[in-house]
Amino acid sequence: MKVLFALPFSPVPADFGGALRVFHLLKHVALHHKVTVLCYGNLEDKRQLQEALPLKAVHMLPYLWKHRHRRLGQLYSCFTRHSFFQQSVTSPRYERALNALLADGNFDIVHTEFSHLGPFGLHTQALKVLDAHNVEWDNFRRMHEVSAFGLKKLHYWAEYKKQRADELRTCRAHDGVIATSERDLALFAQHLPGLRGAVVPNGVDLEYFRPVQTEPQPFHFVFTGHMAYVPNHDGVMWFLDKVWPRIVHKHPSARFSIVGKNPPPCVLARQSQSVKVTGTVADVRPHMAKASVYVVPLRMGGGTRLKIAEAMAMKKPLVTTRVGCEGMALTHEKTALLEDTPEGFAHACLRLAEDGALQKRLAEEAFQLAWATLGWHTLGQTLLTTYEKWLSEVSTNTNTDARRTSAVF
């Protein structure tokens, strides 16, 4: 098959969740089919992408000013009908490049990553597939709900309303929508009767994230993630404000490591003898290996969290909110401890840190689940199977419509 991937960025280096998902699924498709990529980036991005993946062709466009100057772009979007997310990556130039490739390439599938890149006309007979990653409007709804009153809260509400209209319009323009969880797919289906959809969860590189023999440090907790992402730093601040004092009161020697690039000032300001903020690191695995408990204190977000899959693959015992583990098939007391209140979360952290047998049991069960269901090879095969199924369905529907038209005329 010939497949065109339309991306809002180059997935190399794959150093945050969205890039990791794109990279591994793109790699799997490219190993089996002829893949062309259209995305934003520069000549160095193009070189790295071509070296990293076996692609037929790569076409790069320069980033838009609204992407390069985020705050100005957000202000600009306040006076438009569309969300900032969409305006930061869509342009007539991108649409012209996309349609030129579709006109000349004779593709079987055009695969769009992220709903905010998807409002284009797509003048093609190819199967049109959207990988939504998240239900972004629901993410902004959650950010609005937990934010204090102020300009941010108003911005999140406005983005929620715009995102919902933009995303649903994009979904309607595609033949099929891929979600990362059953919950996300159900949210789309509520508004789109007859939606052709499938679930391809976020996964983990099982060869890279493996258990290590390093002895974890007692009462050492860790969180990893791109810290500029609002759900991540919101969750970390909630943990520091509401949960961490309860843990330190019980165990003054406890330590918490916050690992990930671009921590905002509110997180950097919380560094202390017991709280370490690393910023960007070359490899998160040593930081994860040192911890006795991996925490995911998220109150918002969408899709499924790659950080949880990585912790599962490294046999790190987990404490998470239910929002934090949506779509991951974790079970309270079997594969993780799930708590949503500050009191419950702190108690679970202390209980797990104190009980080595519980750590081993939960970590082993989660590890087995990751190996059975979350490897990128397995998920890549799920994507290819989805392609084949939808191609067959669309072809059957087209042939049926042609026969009906012939009967009429």
Protein backbone atom coordinates (compact mmCIF):
# COMPACT_ATOMS: atom_id res chain seq x y z
CA MET A 1 0.00 0.00 0.00
CA LYS A 2 0.97 3.63 -0.47
CA VAL A 3 0.30 5.74 2.62
CA LEU A 4 0.59 9.49 3.11
CA PHE A 5 1.09 10.66 6.69
CA ALA A 6 0.13 14.29 7.36
CA LEU A 7 1.82 15.48 10.58
CA PRO A 8 1.96 18.81 12.45
CA PHE A 9 5.63 18.22 13.39
CA SER A 10 8.52 15.86 12.83
CA PRO A 11 8.38 13.00 15.38
CA VAL A 12 12.19 12.94 15.61
CA PRO A 13 13.44 13.31 18.26
CA ALA A 14 10.59 11.43 19.94
CA ASP A 15 10.93 13.20 23.27
CA PHE A 16 7.30 13.67 24.35
CA GLY A 17 4.12 11.62 24.30
CA GLY A 18 2.59 12.69 21.00
CA ALA A 19 5.91 12.35 19.15
CA LEU A 20 6.50 8.89 20.63
CA ARG A 21 3.13 7.64 19.43
CA VAL A 22 3.58 9.08 15.95
CA PHE A 23 7.14 7.76 15.67
CA HIS A 24 6.39 4.16 16.60
CA LEU A 25 3.18 3.80 14.59
CA LEU A 26 4.76 5.53 11.59
CA LYS A 27 7.78 3.22 11.87
CA HIS A 28 5.60 0.11 11.90
CA VAL A 29 3.61 1.21 8.85
CA ALA A 30 6.81 2.20 7.00
CA LEU A 31 8.34 -1.23 7.60
CA HIS A 32 5.45 -2.85 5.71
CA HIS A 33 4.30 -0.22 3.19
CA LYS A 34 5.49 2.74 1.11
CA VAL A 35 5.11 5.83 3.28
CA THR A 36 5.38 9.51 2.39
CA VAL A 37 5.40 12.17 5.13
CA LEU A 38 4.28 15.80 5.00
CA CYS A 39 5.05 17.88 8.09
CA TYR A 40 6.48 21.11 9.43
CA GLY A 41 10.18 21.42 10.18
CA ASN A 42 13.56 22.44 8.79
CA LEU A 43 16.27 20.73 6.76
CA GLU A 44 17.85 19.21 9.87
CA ASP A 45 14.48 17.80 10.94
CA LYS A 46 14.13 16.28 7.48
CA ARG A 47 17.58 14.71 7.62
CA GLN A 48 16.98 13.18 11.06
CA LEU A 49 13.58 11.82 10.06
CA GLN A 50 14.95 10.23 6.88
CA GLU A 51 17.80 8.64 8.82
CA ALA A 52 15.53 7.32 11.57
CA LEU A 53 12.76 5.77 9.48
CA PRO A 54 12.53 3.85 6.17
CA LEU A 55 10.35 6.41 4.40
CA LYS A 56 9.71 6.73 0.66
CA ALA A 57 9.71 10.55 0.78
CA VAL A 58 9.63 13.44 3.26
CA HIS A 59 8.21 16.91 2.48
CA MET A 60 8.88 19.73 4.97
CA LEU A 61 7.18 23.11 5.33
CA PRO A 62 8.36 25.94 7.64
CA TYR A 63 6.41 26.37 10.86
CA LEU A 64 3.71 29.05 10.97
CA TRP A 65 4.25 32.22 12.98
CA LYS A 66 1.36 31.26 15.25
CA HIS A 67 3.27 28.11 16.24
CA ARG A 68 6.63 29.87 16.69
CA HIS A 69 5.12 32.70 18.76
CA ARG A 70 2.67 30.81 20.94
CA ARG A 71 1.38 33.65 23.13
CA LEU A 72 0.75 35.94 20.18
CA GLY A 73 -0.97 33.06 18.40
CA GLN A 74 -3.22 32.45 21.38
CA LEU A 75 -4.14 36.14 21.49
CA TYR A 76 -4.84 36.13 17.76
CA SER A 77 -7.08 33.07 18.06
CA CYS A 78 -9.27 34.90 20.61
CA PHE A 79 -10.65 36.97 17.74
CA THR A 80 -11.34 34.06 15.39
CA ARG A 81 -13.87 31.21 15.12
CA HIS A 82 -11.27 28.47 15.41
CA SER A 83 -9.12 27.14 18.22
CA PHE A 84 -5.50 28.14 18.69
CA PHE A 85 -4.49 24.48 18.27
CA GLN A 86 -5.96 24.41 14.78
CA GLN A 87 -4.72 27.84 13.75
CA SER A 88 -1.16 27.04 14.85
CA VAL A 89 -0.78 24.20 12.32
CA THR A 90 -3.18 24.85 9.43
CA SER A 91 -2.65 27.13 6.46
CA PRO A 92 -3.51 27.38 2.75
CA ARG A 93 0.13 26.51 2.03
CA TYR A 94 -0.10 23.22 3.91
CA GLU A 95 -3.39 22.39 2.21
CA ARG A 96 -1.92 23.10 -1.24
CA ALA A 97 1.07 20.87 -0.52
CA LEU A 98 -1.20 18.13 0.80
CA ASN A 99 -3.52 18.19 -2.19
CA ALA A 100 -0.61 18.29 -4.62
CA LEU A 101 0.77 15.11 -3.08
CA LEU A 102 -2.66 13.47 -3.16
CA ALA A 103 -3.14 14.41 -6.82
CA ASP A 104 0.22 12.98 -7.89
CA GLY A 105 0.75 10.12 -5.47
CA ASN A 106 -2.08 7.67 -6.09
CA PHE A 107 -2.23 6.87 -2.37
CA ASP A 108 -4.35 4.14 -0.83
CA ILE A 109 -4.53 5.88 2.55
CA VAL A 110 -4.07 9.41 3.83
CA HIS A 111 -3.43 9.28 7.57
CA THR A 112 -3.75 12.56 9.53
CA GLU A 113 -2.20 12.87 12.99
CA PHE A 114 -4.10 15.05 15.48
CA SER A 115 -7.55 16.48 14.87
CA HIS A 116 -6.34 20.09 14.75
CA LEU A 117 -4.46 19.28 11.52
CA GLY A 118 -7.54 17.84 9.89
CA PRO A 119 -9.88 20.52 8.47
CA PHE A 120 -8.53 20.28 4.90
CA GLY A 121 -10.65 19.26 1.92
CA LEU A 122 -8.59 16.13 1.13
CA HIS A 123 -9.47 15.82 -2.55
CA THR A 124 -8.73 12.13 -2.94
CA GLN A 125 -10.30 8.71 -3.32
CA ALA A 126 -7.86 7.35 -0.74
CA LEU A 127 -9.12 6.10 2.62
CA LYS A 128 -9.02 9.09 4.99
CA VAL A 129 -7.92 8.11 8.51
CA LEU A 130 -7.66 10.44 11.51
CA ASP A 131 -5.61 9.53 14.60
CA ALA A 132 -7.15 11.90 17.12
CA HIS A 133 -4.69 11.22 19.99
CA ASN A 134 -7.02 12.95 22.48
CA VAL A 135 -10.48 14.42 22.60
CA GLU A 136 -8.97 17.87 22.92
CA TRP A 137 -12.24 19.61 23.69
CA ASP A 138 -12.72 17.35 26.73
CA ASN A 139 -9.17 18.08 27.83
CA PHE A 140 -9.89 21.82 27.76
CA ARG A 141 -13.19 21.26 29.55
CA ARG A 142 -11.31 19.56 32.38
CA MET A 143 -8.69 22.32 32.48
CA HIS A 144 -11.50 24.88 32.75
CA GLU A 145 -13.15 22.98 35.59
CA VAL A 146 -10.07 22.72 37.81
CA SER A 147 -8.59 26.17 37.10
CA ALA A 148 -9.02 29.12 39.44
CA PHE A 149 -11.07 32.05 38.18
CA GLY A 150 -9.13 34.32 35.86
CA LEU A 151 -7.99 34.76 32.26
CA LYS A 152 -6.74 31.17 31.98
CA LYS A 153 -10.10 29.80 32.99
CA LEU A 154 -11.82 31.98 30.38
CA HIS A 155 -9.28 30.93 27.75
CA TYR A 156 -9.82 27.24 28.50
CA TRP A 157 -13.60 27.66 28.19
CA ALA A 158 -13.29 29.47 24.86
CA GLU A 159 -10.88 26.81 23.55
CA TYR A 160 -13.22 24.05 24.74
CA LYS A 161 -16.10 25.45 22.70
CA LYS A 162 -13.98 26.09 19.62
CA GLN A 163 -12.18 22.76 19.88
CA ARG A 164 -15.40 20.81 20.04
CA ALA A 165 -16.71 22.39 16.83
CA ASP A 166 -13.34 22.01 15.08
CA GLU A 167 -12.78 18.40 16.13
CA LEU A 168 -16.23 17.19 15.21
CA ARG A 169 -15.98 18.86 11.81
CA THR A 170 -12.63 17.14 11.25
CA CYS A 171 -13.97 13.74 12.30
CA ARG A 172 -16.84 14.05 9.82
CA ALA A 173 -14.36 14.73 7.02
CA HIS A 174 -12.59 11.38 7.54
CA ASP A 175 -13.63 7.83 6.73
CA GLY A 176 -12.49 6.55 10.10
CA VAL A 177 -11.30 7.90 13.46
CA ILE A 178 -8.71 6.24 15.70
CA ALA A 179 -8.84 6.97 19.43
CA THR A 180 -6.45 5.93 22.17
CA SER A 181 -9.15 4.70 24.56
CA GLU A 182 -12.70 3.40 24.57
CA ARG A 183 -13.71 6.45 26.60
CA ASP A 184 -12.41 8.84 23.93
CA LEU A 185 -14.08 6.87 21.14
CA ALA A 186 -17.38 6.96 23.05
CA LEU A 187 -17.09 10.76 23.45
CA PHE A 188 -16.73 11.15 19.69
CA ALA A 189 -19.56 8.68 19.00
CA GLN A 190 -21.97 10.62 21.24
CA HIS A 191 -21.83 13.48 18.75
CA LEU A 192 -21.24 11.47 15.57
CA PRO A 193 -23.85 8.72 15.05
CA GLY A 194 -22.57 5.99 12.77
CA LEU A 195 -18.93 6.91 13.42
CA ARG A 196 -16.45 4.39 12.01
CA GLY A 197 -13.95 4.17 14.83
CA ALA A 198 -11.25 2.00 16.36
CA VAL A 199 -9.04 2.06 19.45
CA VAL A 200 -5.25 1.91 19.18
CA PRO A 201 -3.90 2.68 22.66
CA ASN A 202 -0.63 4.37 23.46
CA GLY A 203 2.13 1.88 23.98
CA VAL A 204 5.73 1.42 25.06
CA ASP A 205 9.03 0.35 23.54
CA LEU A 206 9.44 -2.91 25.45
CA GLU A 207 13.08 -3.29 24.44
CA TYR A 208 13.99 0.18 25.73
CA PHE A 209 11.92 0.32 28.91
CA ARG A 210 12.93 -2.85 30.74
CA PRO A 211 13.24 -3.79 34.43
CA VAL A 212 16.70 -3.08 35.86
CA GLN A 213 18.55 -4.53 38.82
CA THR A 214 19.10 -1.16 40.52
CA GLU A 215 17.86 -1.25 44.09
CA PRO A 216 15.25 1.50 44.51
CA GLN A 217 15.74 4.11 47.20
CA PRO A 218 13.23 3.83 50.08
CA PHE A 219 10.49 6.46 50.07
CA HIS A 220 11.69 7.90 46.78
CA PHE A 221 8.79 8.93 44.52
CA VAL A 222 9.07 9.96 40.88
CA PHE A 223 6.96 11.60 38.18
CA THR A 224 8.09 11.87 34.54
CA GLY A 225 6.60 13.91 31.72
CA HIS A 226 6.80 16.98 29.52
CA MET A 227 6.35 19.60 32.20
CA ALA A 228 5.16 22.40 29.88
CA TYR A 229 2.04 20.31 29.25
CA VAL A 230 -0.69 21.78 31.45
CA PRO A 231 -2.12 18.48 32.80
CA ASN A 232 1.37 17.40 33.88
CA HIS A 233 2.37 20.49 35.82
CA ASP A 234 -1.15 20.88 37.22
CA GLY A 235 -0.95 17.33 38.56
CA VAL A 236 2.50 17.87 40.02
CA MET A 237 1.40 21.08 41.75
CA TRP A 238 -1.67 19.30 43.18
CA PHE A 239 0.63 16.56 44.48
CA LEU A 240 3.07 19.07 46.01
CA ASP A 241 0.32 21.17 47.61
CA LYS A 242 -2.13 18.52 48.77
CA VAL A 243 -0.33 15.18 48.98
CA TRP A 244 3.37 15.71 49.60
CA PRO A 245 3.01 17.45 53.02
CA ARG A 246 1.12 14.38 54.30
CA ILE A 247 3.90 12.07 53.12
CA VAL A 248 6.74 14.18 54.53
CA HIS A 249 4.91 14.55 57.85
CA LYS A 250 4.95 10.76 58.19
CA HIS A 251 8.40 10.22 56.66
CA PRO A 252 10.60 13.36 56.72
CA SER A 253 13.29 11.56 54.72
CA ALA A 254 11.00 11.05 51.70
CA ARG A 255 12.17 12.37 48.32
CA PHE A 256 10.25 13.37 45.19
CA SER A 257 11.84 13.69 41.72
CA ILE A 258 10.07 15.62 38.94
CA VAL A 259 11.68 14.56 35.67
CA GLY A 260 10.91 16.21 32.33
CA LYS A 261 11.71 19.11 30.05
CA ASN A 262 10.47 22.69 30.31
CA PRO A 263 9.24 22.84 33.92
CA PRO A 264 7.32 26.10 34.44
CA PRO A 265 8.37 28.61 37.12
CA CYS A 266 5.67 27.40 39.54
CA VAL A 267 7.30 23.94 39.55
CA LEU A 268 10.90 25.19 39.61
CA ALA A 269 10.05 27.31 42.65
CA ARG A 270 9.17 24.19 44.64
CA GLN A 271 12.67 22.71 44.61
CA SER A 272 13.94 21.90 48.06
CA GLN A 273 15.97 19.34 49.96
CA SER A 274 13.16 16.83 49.46
CA VAL A 275 11.96 17.88 45.97
CA LYS A 276 14.20 17.66 42.90
CA VAL A 277 13.27 19.20 39.53
CA THR A 278 15.60 17.87 36.84
CA GLY A 279 14.45 19.63 33.71
CA THR A 280 15.50 17.93 30.47
CA VAL A 281 17.35 14.64 30.89
CA ALA A 282 18.96 12.45 28.24
CA ASP A 283 17.38 9.31 29.67
CA VAL A 284 14.48 9.04 32.13
CA ARG A 285 15.15 5.38 32.96
CA PRO A 286 17.84 5.87 35.65
CA HIS A 287 15.55 8.34 37.45
CA MET A 288 12.66 5.89 37.30
CA ALA A 289 14.87 3.01 38.44
CA LYS A 290 15.90 4.83 41.63
CA ALA A 291 12.31 5.39 42.75
CA SER A 292 10.39 2.95 44.92
CA VAL A 293 7.01 4.35 43.76
CA TYR A 294 5.96 5.96 40.46
CA VAL A 295 3.16 8.52 40.87
CA VAL A 296 0.66 9.85 38.30
CA PRO A 297 -1.37 12.52 40.14
CA LEU A 298 -3.23 13.87 37.09
CA ARG A 299 -6.56 15.69 37.36
CA MET A 300 -7.01 16.39 33.65
CA GLY A 301 -5.87 15.25 30.24
CA GLY A 302 -7.11 12.86 27.60
CA GLY A 303 -6.20 9.73 25.72
CA THR A 304 -3.90 7.29 27.47
CA ARG A 305 -0.66 8.12 29.27
CA LEU A 306 2.56 6.78 27.80
CA LYS A 307 4.27 7.43 31.13
CA ILE A 308 2.13 4.74 32.75
CA ALA A 309 3.01 2.21 30.05
CA GLU A 310 6.70 3.01 30.57
CA ALA A 311 6.45 2.53 34.32
CA MET A 312 4.61 -0.76 33.83
CA ALA A 313 7.32 -2.01 31.46
CA MET A 314 10.04 -1.13 34.00
CA LYS A 315 8.18 -2.91 36.82
CA LYS A 316 7.68 0.25 38.83
CA PRO A 317 4.78 0.09 41.31
CA LEU A 318 2.16 2.74 40.55
CA VAL A 319 -0.09 5.12 42.44
CA THR A 320 -2.37 7.02 40.08
CA THR A 321 -5.63 8.91 39.92
CA ARG A 322 -8.38 7.36 37.84
CA VAL A 323 -8.06 10.20 35.33
CA GLY A 324 -4.34 9.45 35.12
CA CYS A 325 -4.84 5.83 34.09
CA GLU A 326 -7.85 6.16 31.78
CA GLY A 327 -7.75 3.58 29.04
CA MET A 328 -4.89 1.58 30.56
CA ALA A 329 -6.93 -1.34 31.99
CA LEU A 330 -5.32 -0.97 35.42
CA THR A 331 -7.21 -2.52 38.33
CA HIS A 332 -7.10 -1.14 41.87
CA GLU A 333 -5.14 -3.45 44.19
CA LYS A 334 -4.18 -5.76 41.31
CA THR A 335 -1.96 -3.74 38.96
CA ALA A 336 -1.84 -0.36 40.73
CA LEU A 337 -3.30 1.69 43.57
CA LEU A 338 -5.96 4.12 42.31
CA GLU A 339 -6.87 7.12 44.45
CA ASP A 340 -8.40 10.51 43.67
CA THR A 341 -8.39 12.44 46.95
CA PRO A 342 -5.30 13.96 48.59
CA GLU A 343 -5.83 11.81 51.68
CA GLY A 344 -6.30 8.63 49.69
CA PHE A 345 -3.38 9.35 47.36
CA ALA A 346 -1.00 10.07 50.25
CA HIS A 347 -2.11 6.94 52.10
CA ALA A 348 -1.59 4.82 48.98
CA CYS A 349 1.90 6.27 48.44
CA LEU A 350 2.91 5.57 52.03
CA ARG A 351 1.38 2.12 52.02
CA LEU A 352 3.16 1.13 48.81
CA ALA A 353 6.49 2.62 49.89
CA GLU A 354 6.33 0.68 53.17
CA ASP A 355 5.28 -2.68 51.72
CA GLY A 356 7.91 -4.36 49.56
CA ALA A 357 5.75 -7.40 48.90
CA LEU A 358 2.91 -5.21 47.62
CA GLN A 359 5.37 -3.33 45.39
CA LYS A 360 6.55 -6.57 43.78
CA ARG A 361 3.05 -7.98 43.31
CA LEU A 362 1.57 -4.88 41.70
CA ALA A 363 4.64 -4.27 39.55
CA GLU A 364 4.73 -7.85 38.26
CA GLU A 365 1.03 -7.86 37.35
CA ALA A 366 1.36 -4.50 35.55
CA PHE A 367 4.50 -5.70 33.76
CA GLN A 368 2.71 -8.78 32.41
CA LEU A 369 -0.17 -6.59 31.22
CA ALA A 370 2.23 -4.26 29.40
CA TRP A 371 3.97 -7.11 27.62
CA ALA A 372 0.70 -8.69 26.58
CA THR A 373 -1.03 -5.57 25.26
CA LEU A 374 1.12 -2.43 25.02
CA GLY A 375 4.12 -3.21 22.83
CA TRP A 376 4.35 -0.94 19.77
CA HIS A 377 4.65 -3.95 17.46
CA THR A 378 1.30 -5.26 18.72
CA LEU A 379 -0.33 -1.84 18.40
CA GLY A 380 1.18 -1.27 14.96
CA GLN A 381 -0.39 -4.52 13.81
CA THR A 382 -3.71 -3.31 15.21
CA LEU A 383 -3.39 -0.17 13.09
CA LEU A 384 -2.61 -2.15 9.93
CA THR A 385 -5.55 -4.48 10.59
CA THR A 386 -7.77 -1.42 11.00
CA TYR A 387 -6.54 -0.05 7.66
CA GLU A 388 -7.41 -3.31 5.90
CA LYS A 389 -10.84 -3.56 7.51
CA TRP A 390 -11.79 0.02 6.65
CA LEU A 391 -10.45 -0.24 3.10
CA SER A 392 -12.67 -3.27 2.60
CA GLU A 393 -15.72 -1.53 4.10
CA VAL A 394 -15.28 1.65 2.06
CA SER A 395 -14.70 -0.36 -1.12
CA THR A 396 -17.85 -2.41 -0.49
CA ASN A 397 -19.90 0.74 0.17
CA THR A 398 -18.53 2.40 -2.98
CA ASN A 399 -19.38 -0.60 -5.14
CA THR A 400 -22.89 -0.76 -3.65
CA ASP A 401 -23.43 2.94 -4.36
CA ALA A 402 -22.17 2.48 -7.93
CA ARG A 403 -24.63 -0.39 -8.54
CA ARG A 404 -27.50 1.73 -7.16
CA THR A 405 -26.52 4.64 -9.42
CA SER A 406 -26.34 2.33 -12.43
CA ALA A 407 -29.80 0.96 -11.66
CA VAL A 408 -31.26 4.48 -11.53
CA PHE A 409 -29.67 5.73 -14.77
